[in-house]
Amino acid sequence: MSFEALSRDAKFCQLIEANNEAYQNLVINKESLGFTNCDIQLNTAENYLKKNTDQFDIIFFDPPFGRPEFSLLLPSLKNYLNEEGLIYYESSRPYADEDFKIIKESRAGQVYFYLLKK
């Protein structure tokens, strides 16, 4: 999704990927598409957030479906959004918390999609 955003004139994208093979593929794709306005880090979301001081307009949060504990990071993402920032969230479970307001939601098979706002 980040590359799609960049192709539609996003100013900058920060990508965090913990899986080395997926990371390598992202780097190859970045180079083949010629994007210079993005940074890709081989890191976990938790470690990245511990050191991050940036605020974002939109965060794409797509935790591994087989690892529900990653969804526990969702409430803390509020701290990294600009005032009008949004979170695009994918999950294998319906979103039922009250940390964010659901702006838009949909479902495709077993995947739930949400656009969330503070």
PDB file of N, CA and C in Angstrom:
ATOM      1  N   MET A   1       0.809  -1.194   0.000  1.00  0.00           N
ATOM      2  CA  MET A   1       0.000   0.000   0.000  1.00  0.00           C
ATOM      3  C   MET A   1       0.857   1.265   0.000  1.00  0.00           C
ATOM      4  N   SER A   2       2.013   1.179   0.601  1.00  0.00           N
ATOM      5  CA  SER A   2       2.888   2.354   0.636  1.00  0.00           C
ATOM      6  C   SER A   2       3.340   2.741  -0.764  1.00  0.00           C
ATOM      7  N   PHE A   3       3.674   1.760  -1.582  1.00  0.00           N
ATOM      8  CA  PHE A   3       4.105   2.071  -2.939  1.00  0.00           C
ATOM      9  C   PHE A   3       2.961   2.660  -3.752  1.00  0.00           C
ATOM     10  N   GLU A   4       1.758   2.188  -3.500  1.00  0.00           N
ATOM     11  CA  GLU A   4       0.587   2.776  -4.158  1.00  0.00           C
ATOM     12  C   GLU A   4       0.428   4.236  -3.730  1.00  0.00           C
ATOM     13  N   ALA A   5       0.593   4.492  -2.446  1.00  0.00           N
ATOM     14  CA  ALA A   5       0.492   5.873  -1.948  1.00  0.00           C
ATOM     15  C   ALA A   5       1.567   6.756  -2.583  1.00  0.00           C
ATOM     16  N   LEU A   6       2.779   6.239  -2.692  1.00  0.00           N
ATOM     17  CA  LEU A   6       3.857   7.007  -3.319  1.00  0.00           C
ATOM     18  C   LEU A   6       3.552   7.283  -4.788  1.00  0.00           C
ATOM     19  N   SER A   7       2.941   6.330  -5.460  1.00  0.00           N
ATOM     20  CA  SER A   7       2.603   6.528  -6.876  1.00  0.00           C
ATOM     21  C   SER A   7       1.496   7.566  -7.042  1.00  0.00           C
ATOM     22  N   ARG A   8       0.803   7.877  -5.944  1.00  0.00           N
ATOM     23  CA  ARG A   8      -0.263   8.879  -5.970  1.00  0.00           C
ATOM     24  C   ARG A   8       0.172  10.147  -5.234  1.00  0.00           C
ATOM     25  N   ASP A   9       1.463  10.408  -5.271  1.00  0.00           N
ATOM     26  CA  ASP A   9       2.062  11.654  -4.784  1.00  0.00           C
ATOM     27  C   ASP A   9       2.185  11.803  -3.271  1.00  0.00           C
ATOM     28  N   ALA A  10       2.209  10.705  -2.535  1.00  0.00           N
ATOM     29  CA  ALA A  10       2.546  10.819  -1.110  1.00  0.00           C
ATOM     30  C   ALA A  10       3.952  11.407  -1.019  1.00  0.00           C
ATOM     31  N   LYS A  11       4.170  12.274  -0.057  1.00  0.00           N
ATOM     32  CA  LYS A  11       5.479  12.929   0.067  1.00  0.00           C
ATOM     33  C   LYS A  11       6.557  11.981   0.567  1.00  0.00           C
ATOM     34  N   PHE A  12       6.185  11.091   1.490  1.00  0.00           N
ATOM     35  CA  PHE A  12       7.167  10.188   2.088  1.00  0.00           C
ATOM     36  C   PHE A  12       6.441   9.006   2.713  1.00  0.00           C
ATOM     37  N   CYS A  13       7.061   7.849   2.677  1.00  0.00           N
ATOM     38  CA  CYS A  13       6.531   6.667   3.366  1.00  0.00           C
ATOM     39  C   CYS A  13       7.641   6.007   4.170  1.00  0.00           C
ATOM     40  N   GLN A  14       7.303   5.611   5.370  1.00  0.00           N
ATOM     41  CA  GLN A  14       8.205   4.865   6.239  1.00  0.00           C
ATOM     42  C   GLN A  14       7.662   3.443   6.317  1.00  0.00           C
ATOM     43  N   LEU A  15       8.438   2.465   5.910  1.00  0.00           N
ATOM     44  CA  LEU A  15       8.012   1.070   5.941  1.00  0.00           C
ATOM     45  C   LEU A  15       8.821   0.327   6.990  1.00  0.00           C
ATOM     46  N   ILE A  16       8.132  -0.476   7.792  1.00  0.00           N
ATOM     47  CA  ILE A  16       8.777  -1.302   8.811  1.00  0.00           C
ATOM     48  C   ILE A  16       8.387  -2.740   8.529  1.00  0.00           C
ATOM     49  N   GLU A  17       9.376  -3.608   8.395  1.00  0.00           N
ATOM     50  CA  GLU A  17       9.113  -5.020   8.095  1.00  0.00           C
ATOM     51  C   GLU A  17      10.043  -5.881   8.942  1.00  0.00           C
ATOM     52  N   ALA A  18       9.483  -6.845   9.663  1.00  0.00           N
ATOM     53  CA  ALA A  18      10.274  -7.703  10.540  1.00  0.00           C
ATOM     54  C   ALA A  18      10.784  -8.956   9.832  1.00  0.00           C
ATOM     55  N   ASN A  19      10.121  -9.368   8.768  1.00  0.00           N
ATOM     56  CA  ASN A  19      10.507 -10.575   8.043  1.00  0.00           C
ATOM     57  C   ASN A  19      11.575 -10.229   7.007  1.00  0.00           C
ATOM     58  N   ASN A  20      12.733 -10.876   7.106  1.00  0.00           N
ATOM     59  CA  ASN A  20      13.861 -10.542   6.236  1.00  0.00           C
ATOM     60  C   ASN A  20      13.549 -10.742   4.758  1.00  0.00           C
ATOM     61  N   GLU A  21      12.877 -11.818   4.411  1.00  0.00           N
ATOM     62  CA  GLU A  21      12.556 -12.064   2.999  1.00  0.00           C
ATOM     63  C   GLU A  21      11.603 -10.993   2.457  1.00  0.00           C
ATOM     64  N   ALA A  22      10.581 -10.651   3.234  1.00  0.00           N
ATOM     65  CA  ALA A  22       9.650  -9.596   2.817  1.00  0.00           C
ATOM     66  C   ALA A  22      10.376  -8.256   2.726  1.00  0.00           C
ATOM     67  N   TYR A  23      11.276  -8.005   3.672  1.00  0.00           N
ATOM     68  CA  TYR A  23      12.073  -6.778   3.650  1.00  0.00           C
ATOM     69  C   TYR A  23      12.887  -6.686   2.358  1.00  0.00           C
ATOM     70  N   GLN A  24      13.576  -7.769   2.013  1.00  0.00           N
ATOM     71  CA  GLN A  24      14.388  -7.781   0.792  1.00  0.00           C
ATOM     72  C   GLN A  24      13.527  -7.511  -0.442  1.00  0.00           C
ATOM     73  N   ASN A  25      12.340  -8.093  -0.494  1.00  0.00           N
ATOM     74  CA  ASN A  25      11.430  -7.863  -1.623  1.00  0.00           C
ATOM     75  C   ASN A  25      10.977  -6.404  -1.685  1.00  0.00           C
ATOM     76  N   LEU A  26      10.734  -5.800  -0.533  1.00  0.00           N
ATOM     77  CA  LEU A  26      10.356  -4.384  -0.502  1.00  0.00           C
ATOM     78  C   LEU A  26      11.484  -3.503  -1.043  1.00  0.00           C
ATOM     79  N   VAL A  27      12.710  -3.811  -0.649  1.00  0.00           N
ATOM     80  CA  VAL A  27      13.860  -3.034  -1.120  1.00  0.00           C
ATOM     81  C   VAL A  27      13.997  -3.164  -2.638  1.00  0.00           C
ATOM     82  N   ILE A  28      13.846  -4.376  -3.148  1.00  0.00           N
ATOM     83  CA  ILE A  28      13.935  -4.606  -4.596  1.00  0.00           C
ATOM     84  C   ILE A  28      12.831  -3.831  -5.321  1.00  0.00           C
ATOM     85  N   ASN A  29      11.630  -3.891  -4.786  1.00  0.00           N
ATOM     86  CA  ASN A  29      10.507  -3.175  -5.409  1.00  0.00           C
ATOM     87  C   ASN A  29      10.715  -1.667  -5.369  1.00  0.00           C
ATOM     88  N   LYS A  30      11.213  -1.155  -4.261  1.00  0.00           N
ATOM     89  CA  LYS A  30      11.491   0.278  -4.144  1.00  0.00           C
ATOM     90  C   LYS A  30      12.479   0.718  -5.225  1.00  0.00           C
ATOM     91  N   GLU A  31      13.528  -0.059  -5.383  1.00  0.00           N
ATOM     92  CA  GLU A  31      14.557   0.271  -6.374  1.00  0.00           C
ATOM     93  C   GLU A  31      14.015   0.160  -7.797  1.00  0.00           C
ATOM     94  N   SER A  32      13.250  -0.898  -8.065  1.00  0.00           N
ATOM     95  CA  SER A  32      12.741  -1.068  -9.435  1.00  0.00           C
ATOM     96  C   SER A  32      11.697  -0.014  -9.797  1.00  0.00           C
ATOM     97  N   LEU A  33      10.985   0.497  -8.798  1.00  0.00           N
ATOM     98  CA  LEU A  33      10.000   1.549  -9.043  1.00  0.00           C
ATOM     99  C   LEU A  33      10.626   2.939  -9.026  1.00  0.00           C
ATOM    100  N   GLY A  34      11.857   3.031  -8.561  1.00  0.00           N
ATOM    101  CA  GLY A  34      12.566   4.302  -8.558  1.00  0.00           C
ATOM    102  C   GLY A  34      12.139   5.267  -7.466  1.00  0.00           C
ATOM    103  N   PHE A  35      11.574   4.759  -6.381  1.00  0.00           N
ATOM    104  CA  PHE A  35      11.149   5.638  -5.292  1.00  0.00           C
ATOM    105  C   PHE A  35      12.352   6.022  -4.422  1.00  0.00           C
ATOM    106  N   THR A  36      12.526   7.300  -4.244  1.00  0.00           N
ATOM    107  CA  THR A  36      13.594   7.791  -3.371  1.00  0.00           C
ATOM    108  C   THR A  36      13.019   8.428  -2.110  1.00  0.00           C
ATOM    109  N   ASN A  37      11.710   8.569  -2.069  1.00  0.00           N
ATOM    110  CA  ASN A  37      11.064   9.240  -0.939  1.00  0.00           C
ATOM    111  C   ASN A  37      10.413   8.253   0.026  1.00  0.00           C
ATOM    112  N   CYS A  38      11.115   7.146   0.260  1.00  0.00           N
ATOM    113  CA  CYS A  38      10.651   6.219   1.294  1.00  0.00           C
ATOM    114  C   CYS A  38      11.851   5.552   1.948  1.00  0.00           C
ATOM    115  N   ASP A  39      11.647   5.149   3.169  1.00  0.00           N
ATOM    116  CA  ASP A  39      12.671   4.463   3.939  1.00  0.00           C
ATOM    117  C   ASP A  39      12.101   3.123   4.361  1.00  0.00           C
ATOM    118  N   ILE A  40      12.887   2.073   4.203  1.00  0.00           N
ATOM    119  CA  ILE A  40      12.451   0.726   4.585  1.00  0.00           C
ATOM    120  C   ILE A  40      13.411   0.219   5.645  1.00  0.00           C
ATOM    121  N   GLN A  41      12.871  -0.187   6.776  1.00  0.00           N
ATOM    122  CA  GLN A  41      13.696  -0.699   7.869  1.00  0.00           C
ATOM    123  C   GLN A  41      13.343  -2.141   8.182  1.00  0.00           C
ATOM    124  N   LEU A  42      14.374  -2.939   8.389  1.00  0.00           N
ATOM    125  CA  LEU A  42      14.201  -4.300   8.883  1.00  0.00           C
ATOM    126  C   LEU A  42      14.150  -4.184  10.400  1.00  0.00           C
ATOM    127  N   ASN A  43      12.938  -4.277  10.934  1.00  0.00           N
ATOM    128  CA  ASN A  43      12.739  -4.001  12.352  1.00  0.00           C
ATOM    129  C   ASN A  43      11.363  -4.523  12.752  1.00  0.00           C
ATOM    130  N   THR A  44      11.137  -4.633  14.041  1.00  0.00           N
ATOM    131  CA  THR A  44       9.793  -4.940  14.516  1.00  0.00           C
ATOM    132  C   THR A  44       9.062  -3.628  14.776  1.00  0.00           C
ATOM    133  N   ALA A  45       7.766  -3.666  14.705  1.00  0.00           N
ATOM    134  CA  ALA A  45       6.975  -2.464  14.975  1.00  0.00           C
ATOM    135  C   ALA A  45       7.228  -1.968  16.395  1.00  0.00           C
ATOM    136  N   GLU A  46       7.316  -2.890  17.332  1.00  0.00           N
ATOM    137  CA  GLU A  46       7.536  -2.499  18.730  1.00  0.00           C
ATOM    138  C   GLU A  46       8.856  -1.752  18.894  1.00  0.00           C
ATOM    139  N   ASN A  47       9.925  -2.290  18.308  1.00  0.00           N
ATOM    140  CA  ASN A  47      11.235  -1.631  18.429  1.00  0.00           C
ATOM    141  C   ASN A  47      11.258  -0.294  17.711  1.00  0.00           C
ATOM    142  N   TYR A  48      10.633  -0.231  16.550  1.00  0.00           N
ATOM    143  CA  TYR A  48      10.591   1.029  15.821  1.00  0.00           C
ATOM    144  C   TYR A  48       9.869   2.101  16.639  1.00  0.00           C
ATOM    145  N   LEU A  49       8.725   1.741  17.204  1.00  0.00           N
ATOM    146  CA  LEU A  49       7.922   2.720  17.946  1.00  0.00           C
ATOM    147  C   LEU A  49       8.620   3.215  19.211  1.00  0.00           C
ATOM    148  N   LYS A  50       9.452   2.372  19.811  1.00  0.00           N
ATOM    149  CA  LYS A  50      10.179   2.782  21.020  1.00  0.00           C
ATOM    150  C   LYS A  50      11.080   3.980  20.751  1.00  0.00           C
ATOM    151  N   LYS A  51      11.605   4.076  19.522  1.00  0.00           N
ATOM    152  CA  LYS A  51      12.552   5.137  19.179  1.00  0.00           C
ATOM    153  C   LYS A  51      11.933   6.233  18.316  1.00  0.00           C
ATOM    154  N   ASN A  52      10.738   6.020  17.811  1.00  0.00           N
ATOM    155  CA  ASN A  52      10.125   6.960  16.878  1.00  0.00           C
ATOM    156  C   ASN A  52       9.609   8.215  17.577  1.00  0.00           C
ATOM    157  N   THR A  53       9.860   9.356  16.952  1.00  0.00           N
ATOM    158  CA  THR A  53       9.320  10.621  17.449  1.00  0.00           C
ATOM    159  C   THR A  53       8.483  11.318  16.375  1.00  0.00           C
ATOM    160  N   ASP A  54       8.353  10.692  15.213  1.00  0.00           N
ATOM    161  CA  ASP A  54       7.600  11.277  14.106  1.00  0.00           C
ATOM    162  C   ASP A  54       6.102  11.102  14.285  1.00  0.00           C
ATOM    163  N   GLN A  55       5.356  11.999  13.654  1.00  0.00           N
ATOM    164  CA  GLN A  55       3.902  11.920  13.575  1.00  0.00           C
ATOM    165  C   GLN A  55       3.539  11.626  12.116  1.00  0.00           C
ATOM    166  N   PHE A  56       2.458  10.899  11.898  1.00  0.00           N
ATOM    167  CA  PHE A  56       2.098  10.469  10.557  1.00  0.00           C
ATOM    168  C   PHE A  56       0.673  10.885  10.206  1.00  0.00           C
ATOM    169  N   ASP A  57       0.448  11.107   8.918  1.00  0.00           N
ATOM    170  CA  ASP A  57      -0.891  11.398   8.407  1.00  0.00           C
ATOM    171  C   ASP A  57      -1.727  10.128   8.328  1.00  0.00           C
ATOM    172  N   ILE A  58      -1.076   9.037   7.956  1.00  0.00           N
ATOM    173  CA  ILE A  58      -1.775   7.749   7.881  1.00  0.00           C
ATOM    174  C   ILE A  58      -0.800   6.645   8.237  1.00  0.00           C
ATOM    175  N   ILE A  59      -1.299   5.681   8.980  1.00  0.00           N
ATOM    176  CA  ILE A  59      -0.525   4.494   9.347  1.00  0.00           C
ATOM    177  C   ILE A  59      -1.261   3.290   8.788  1.00  0.00           C
ATOM    178  N   PHE A  60      -0.545   2.483   8.012  1.00  0.00           N
ATOM    179  CA  PHE A  60      -1.091   1.224   7.519  1.00  0.00           C
ATOM    180  C   PHE A  60      -0.650   0.153   8.501  1.00  0.00           C
ATOM    181  N   PHE A  61      -1.601  -0.413   9.222  1.00  0.00           N
ATOM    182  CA  PHE A  61      -1.296  -1.404  10.259  1.00  0.00           C
ATOM    183  C   PHE A  61      -1.917  -2.731   9.858  1.00  0.00           C
ATOM    184  N   ASP A  62      -1.060  -3.648   9.463  1.00  0.00           N
ATOM    185  CA  ASP A  62      -1.488  -4.955   8.960  1.00  0.00           C
ATOM    186  C   ASP A  62      -0.705  -6.036   9.699  1.00  0.00           C
ATOM    187  N   PRO A  63      -1.073  -6.293  10.962  1.00  0.00           N
ATOM    188  CA  PRO A  63      -0.324  -7.283  11.744  1.00  0.00           C
ATOM    189  C   PRO A  63      -0.559  -8.696  11.208  1.00  0.00           C
ATOM    190  N   PRO A  64       0.378  -9.614  11.475  1.00  0.00           N
ATOM    191  CA  PRO A  64       0.197 -11.004  11.022  1.00  0.00           C
ATOM    192  C   PRO A  64      -1.083 -11.603  11.618  1.00  0.00           C
ATOM    193  N   PHE A  65      -1.901 -12.210  10.768  1.00  0.00           N
ATOM    194  CA  PHE A  65      -3.194 -12.733  11.225  1.00  0.00           C
ATOM    195  C   PHE A  65      -3.057 -13.839  12.266  1.00  0.00           C
ATOM    196  N   GLY A  66      -2.022 -14.626  12.186  1.00  0.00           N
ATOM    197  CA  GLY A  66      -1.843 -15.718  13.134  1.00  0.00           C
ATOM    198  C   GLY A  66      -1.263 -15.268  14.459  1.00  0.00           C
ATOM    199  N   ARG A  67      -1.043 -13.977  14.622  1.00  0.00           N
ATOM    200  CA  ARG A  67      -0.406 -13.444  15.824  1.00  0.00           C
ATOM    201  C   ARG A  67      -1.254 -12.320  16.416  1.00  0.00           C
ATOM    202  N   PRO A  68      -2.352 -12.649  17.090  1.00  0.00           N
ATOM    203  CA  PRO A  68      -3.260 -11.618  17.610  1.00  0.00           C
ATOM    204  C   PRO A  68      -2.609 -10.662  18.609  1.00  0.00           C
ATOM    205  N   GLU A  69      -1.499 -11.041  19.215  1.00  0.00           N
ATOM    206  CA  GLU A  69      -0.850 -10.160  20.184  1.00  0.00           C
ATOM    207  C   GLU A  69      -0.359  -8.867  19.534  1.00  0.00           C
ATOM    208  N   PHE A  70      -0.108  -8.882  18.223  1.00  0.00           N
ATOM    209  CA  PHE A  70       0.321  -7.669  17.543  1.00  0.00           C
ATOM    210  C   PHE A  70      -0.780  -6.614  17.524  1.00  0.00           C
ATOM    211  N   SER A  71      -2.014  -7.048  17.572  1.00  0.00           N
ATOM    212  CA  SER A  71      -3.130  -6.103  17.602  1.00  0.00           C
ATOM    213  C   SER A  71      -3.111  -5.250  18.861  1.00  0.00           C
ATOM    214  N   LEU A  72      -2.400  -5.696  19.881  1.00  0.00           N
ATOM    215  CA  LEU A  72      -2.293  -4.923  21.117  1.00  0.00           C
ATOM    216  C   LEU A  72      -1.547  -3.607  20.895  1.00  0.00           C
ATOM    217  N   LEU A  73      -0.803  -3.491  19.800  1.00  0.00           N
ATOM    218  CA  LEU A  73      -0.104  -2.242  19.479  1.00  0.00           C
ATOM    219  C   LEU A  73      -1.050  -1.157  18.991  1.00  0.00           C
ATOM    220  N   LEU A  74      -2.214  -1.549  18.509  1.00  0.00           N
ATOM    221  CA  LEU A  74      -3.119  -0.592  17.881  1.00  0.00           C
ATOM    222  C   LEU A  74      -3.410   0.638  18.741  1.00  0.00           C
ATOM    223  N   PRO A  75      -3.807   0.511  20.003  1.00  0.00           N
ATOM    224  CA  PRO A  75      -4.103   1.717  20.794  1.00  0.00           C
ATOM    225  C   PRO A  75      -2.917   2.678  20.908  1.00  0.00           C
ATOM    226  N   SER A  76      -1.698   2.151  20.972  1.00  0.00           N
ATOM    227  CA  SER A  76      -0.528   3.019  21.109  1.00  0.00           C
ATOM    228  C   SER A  76      -0.240   3.811  19.838  1.00  0.00           C
ATOM    229  N   LEU A  77      -0.771   3.374  18.700  1.00  0.00           N
ATOM    230  CA  LEU A  77      -0.531   4.093  17.445  1.00  0.00           C
ATOM    231  C   LEU A  77      -1.155   5.482  17.446  1.00  0.00           C
ATOM    232  N   LYS A  78      -2.122   5.683  18.322  1.00  0.00           N
ATOM    233  CA  LYS A  78      -2.762   6.998  18.457  1.00  0.00           C
ATOM    234  C   LYS A  78      -1.719   8.080  18.748  1.00  0.00           C
ATOM    235  N   ASN A  79      -0.667   7.716  19.466  1.00  0.00           N
ATOM    236  CA  ASN A  79       0.384   8.657  19.842  1.00  0.00           C
ATOM    237  C   ASN A  79       1.242   9.103  18.658  1.00  0.00           C
ATOM    238  N   TYR A  80       1.139   8.413  17.541  1.00  0.00           N
ATOM    239  CA  TYR A  80       1.998   8.690  16.391  1.00  0.00           C
ATOM    240  C   TYR A  80       1.236   9.302  15.219  1.00  0.00           C
ATOM    241  N   LEU A  81      -0.024   9.666  15.448  1.00  0.00           N
ATOM    242  CA  LEU A  81      -0.845  10.269  14.396  1.00  0.00           C
ATOM    243  C   LEU A  81      -0.865  11.790  14.515  1.00  0.00           C
ATOM    244  N   ASN A  82      -0.841  12.447  13.359  1.00  0.00           N
ATOM    245  CA  ASN A  82      -1.117  13.885  13.342  1.00  0.00           C
ATOM    246  C   ASN A  82      -2.556  14.098  13.797  1.00  0.00           C
ATOM    247  N   GLU A  83      -2.916  15.344  14.050  1.00  0.00           N
ATOM    248  CA  GLU A  83      -4.252  15.663  14.576  1.00  0.00           C
ATOM    249  C   GLU A  83      -5.378  15.029  13.770  1.00  0.00           C
ATOM    250  N   GLU A  84      -5.298  15.078  12.460  1.00  0.00           N
ATOM    251  CA  GLU A  84      -6.334  14.503  11.591  1.00  0.00           C
ATOM    252  C   GLU A  84      -5.912  13.157  11.011  1.00  0.00           C
ATOM    253  N   GLY A  85      -4.912  12.526  11.606  1.00  0.00           N
ATOM    254  CA  GLY A  85      -4.358  11.282  11.090  1.00  0.00           C
ATOM    255  C   GLY A  85      -5.335  10.120  11.122  1.00  0.00           C
ATOM    256  N   LEU A  86      -5.069   9.158  10.249  1.00  0.00           N
ATOM    257  CA  LEU A  86      -5.904   7.974  10.099  1.00  0.00           C
ATOM    258  C   LEU A  86      -5.071   6.701  10.214  1.00  0.00           C
ATOM    259  N   ILE A  87      -5.734   5.621  10.580  1.00  0.00           N
ATOM    260  CA  ILE A  87      -5.107   4.303  10.572  1.00  0.00           C
ATOM    261  C   ILE A  87      -5.924   3.398   9.673  1.00  0.00           C
ATOM    262  N   TYR A  88      -5.236   2.783   8.711  1.00  0.00           N
ATOM    263  CA  TYR A  88      -5.852   1.724   7.922  1.00  0.00           C
ATOM    264  C   TYR A  88      -5.447   0.429   8.626  1.00  0.00           C
ATOM    265  N   TYR A  89      -6.428  -0.338   9.051  1.00  0.00           N
ATOM    266  CA  TYR A  89      -6.186  -1.519   9.882  1.00  0.00           C
ATOM    267  C   TYR A  89      -6.840  -2.739   9.255  1.00  0.00           C
ATOM    268  N   GLU A  90      -6.068  -3.819   9.121  1.00  0.00           N
ATOM    269  CA  GLU A  90      -6.598  -5.096   8.659  1.00  0.00           C
ATOM    270  C   GLU A  90      -6.496  -6.096   9.796  1.00  0.00           C
ATOM    271  N   SER A  91      -7.523  -6.950   9.885  1.00  0.00           N
ATOM    272  CA  SER A  91      -7.549  -7.918  10.971  1.00  0.00           C
ATOM    273  C   SER A  91      -8.368  -9.135  10.567  1.00  0.00           C
ATOM    274  N   SER A  92      -8.110 -10.223  11.245  1.00  0.00           N
ATOM    275  CA  SER A  92      -8.926 -11.426  11.054  1.00  0.00           C
ATOM    276  C   SER A  92     -10.128 -11.423  11.993  1.00  0.00           C
ATOM    277  N   ARG A  93     -10.213 -10.379  12.826  1.00  0.00           N
ATOM    278  CA  ARG A  93     -11.315 -10.256  13.799  1.00  0.00           C
ATOM    279  C   ARG A  93     -11.982  -8.893  13.656  1.00  0.00           C
ATOM    280  N   PRO A  94     -13.238  -8.808  14.009  1.00  0.00           N
ATOM    281  CA  PRO A  94     -13.900  -7.492  13.989  1.00  0.00           C
ATOM    282  C   PRO A  94     -13.261  -6.552  15.017  1.00  0.00           C
ATOM    283  N   TYR A  95     -13.196  -5.274  14.669  1.00  0.00           N
ATOM    284  CA  TYR A  95     -12.692  -4.261  15.598  1.00  0.00           C
ATOM    285  C   TYR A  95     -13.818  -3.893  16.549  1.00  0.00           C
ATOM    286  N   ALA A  96     -13.565  -4.039  17.846  1.00  0.00           N
ATOM    287  CA  ALA A  96     -14.620  -3.785  18.824  1.00  0.00           C
ATOM    288  C   ALA A  96     -14.183  -2.839  19.939  1.00  0.00           C
ATOM    289  N   ASP A  97     -12.985  -2.299  19.852  1.00  0.00           N
ATOM    290  CA  ASP A  97     -12.503  -1.403  20.903  1.00  0.00           C
ATOM    291  C   ASP A  97     -13.047   0.007  20.699  1.00  0.00           C
ATOM    292  N   GLU A  98     -12.832   0.849  21.682  1.00  0.00           N
ATOM    293  CA  GLU A  98     -13.309   2.229  21.604  1.00  0.00           C
ATOM    294  C   GLU A  98     -12.171   3.235  21.530  1.00  0.00           C
ATOM    295  N   ASP A  99     -10.957   2.752  21.223  1.00  0.00           N
ATOM    296  CA  ASP A  99      -9.806   3.648  21.131  1.00  0.00           C
ATOM    297  C   ASP A  99      -9.903   4.586  19.937  1.00  0.00           C
ATOM    298  N   PHE A 100     -10.586   4.139  18.879  1.00  0.00           N
ATOM    299  CA  PHE A 100     -10.694   4.906  17.649  1.00  0.00           C
ATOM    300  C   PHE A 100     -12.138   4.911  17.162  1.00  0.00           C
ATOM    301  N   LYS A 101     -12.433   5.905  16.370  1.00  0.00           N
ATOM    302  CA  LYS A 101     -13.735   5.980  15.703  1.00  0.00           C
ATOM    303  C   LYS A 101     -13.591   5.307  14.339  1.00  0.00           C
ATOM    304  N   ILE A 102     -14.535   4.436  13.998  1.00  0.00           N
ATOM    305  CA  ILE A 102     -14.517   3.780  12.696  1.00  0.00           C
ATOM    306  C   ILE A 102     -15.101   4.737  11.666  1.00  0.00           C
ATOM    307  N   ILE A 103     -14.286   5.125  10.690  1.00  0.00           N
ATOM    308  CA  ILE A 103     -14.713   6.011   9.611  1.00  0.00           C
ATOM    309  C   ILE A 103     -15.321   5.192   8.478  1.00  0.00           C
ATOM    310  N   LYS A 104     -14.693   4.058   8.209  1.00  0.00           N
ATOM    311  CA  LYS A 104     -15.147   3.178   7.136  1.00  0.00           C
ATOM    312  C   LYS A 104     -14.741   1.757   7.493  1.00  0.00           C
ATOM    313  N   GLU A 105     -15.581   0.798   7.097  1.00  0.00           N
ATOM    314  CA  GLU A 105     -15.237  -0.598   7.343  1.00  0.00           C
ATOM    315  C   GLU A 105     -15.780  -1.479   6.237  1.00  0.00           C
ATOM    316  N   SER A 106     -15.115  -2.611   6.053  1.00  0.00           N
ATOM    317  CA  SER A 106     -15.537  -3.569   5.045  1.00  0.00           C
ATOM    318  C   SER A 106     -14.966  -4.930   5.415  1.00  0.00           C
ATOM    319  N   ARG A 107     -15.381  -5.917   4.665  1.00  0.00           N
ATOM    320  CA  ARG A 107     -14.902  -7.270   4.916  1.00  0.00           C
ATOM    321  C   ARG A 107     -14.816  -8.001   3.589  1.00  0.00           C
ATOM    322  N   ALA A 108     -13.746  -8.776   3.427  1.00  0.00           N
ATOM    323  CA  ALA A 108     -13.573  -9.637   2.265  1.00  0.00           C
ATOM    324  C   ALA A 108     -13.170 -11.007   2.786  1.00  0.00           C
ATOM    325  N   GLY A 109     -14.090 -11.948   2.729  1.00  0.00           N
ATOM    326  CA  GLY A 109     -13.818 -13.272   3.290  1.00  0.00           C
ATOM    327  C   GLY A 109     -13.600 -13.176   4.780  1.00  0.00           C
ATOM    328  N   GLN A 110     -12.427 -13.595   5.228  1.00  0.00           N
ATOM    329  CA  GLN A 110     -12.107 -13.559   6.655  1.00  0.00           C
ATOM    330  C   GLN A 110     -11.290 -12.327   7.053  1.00  0.00           C
ATOM    331  N   VAL A 111     -11.141 -11.382   6.141  1.00  0.00           N
ATOM    332  CA  VAL A 111     -10.344 -10.186   6.415  1.00  0.00           C
ATOM    333  C   VAL A 111     -11.259  -8.983   6.632  1.00  0.00           C
ATOM    334  N   TYR A 112     -11.068  -8.326   7.756  1.00  0.00           N
ATOM    335  CA  TYR A 112     -11.792  -7.100   8.074  1.00  0.00           C
ATOM    336  C   TYR A 112     -10.882  -5.914   7.779  1.00  0.00           C
ATOM    337  N   PHE A 113     -11.444  -4.870   7.161  1.00  0.00           N
ATOM    338  CA  PHE A 113     -10.704  -3.666   6.811  1.00  0.00           C
ATOM    339  C   PHE A 113     -11.340  -2.484   7.531  1.00  0.00           C
ATOM    340  N   TYR A 114     -10.519  -1.632   8.091  1.00  0.00           N
ATOM    341  CA  TYR A 114     -11.043  -0.474   8.814  1.00  0.00           C
ATOM    342  C   TYR A 114     -10.223   0.773   8.503  1.00  0.00           C
ATOM    343  N   LEU A 115     -10.898   1.888   8.442  1.00  0.00           N
ATOM    344  CA  LEU A 115     -10.243   3.192   8.443  1.00  0.00           C
ATOM    345  C   LEU A 115     -10.646   3.830   9.762  1.00  0.00           C
ATOM    346  N   LEU A 116      -9.660   4.075  10.614  1.00  0.00           N
ATOM    347  CA  LEU A 116      -9.897   4.533  11.976  1.00  0.00           C
ATOM    348  C   LEU A 116      -9.329   5.934  12.193  1.00  0.00           C
ATOM    349  N   LYS A 117      -9.972   6.665  13.092  1.00  0.00           N
ATOM    350  CA  LYS A 117      -9.542   8.014  13.431  1.00  0.00           C
ATOM    351  C   LYS A 117      -9.588   8.187  14.946  1.00  0.00           C
ATOM    352  N   LYS A 118      -8.698   9.066  15.480  1.00  0.00           N
ATOM    353  CA  LYS A 118      -8.679   9.335  16.931  1.00  0.00           C
ATOM    354  C   LYS A 118     -10.028   9.857  17.388  1.00  0.00           C
TER     355      LYS A 118
END
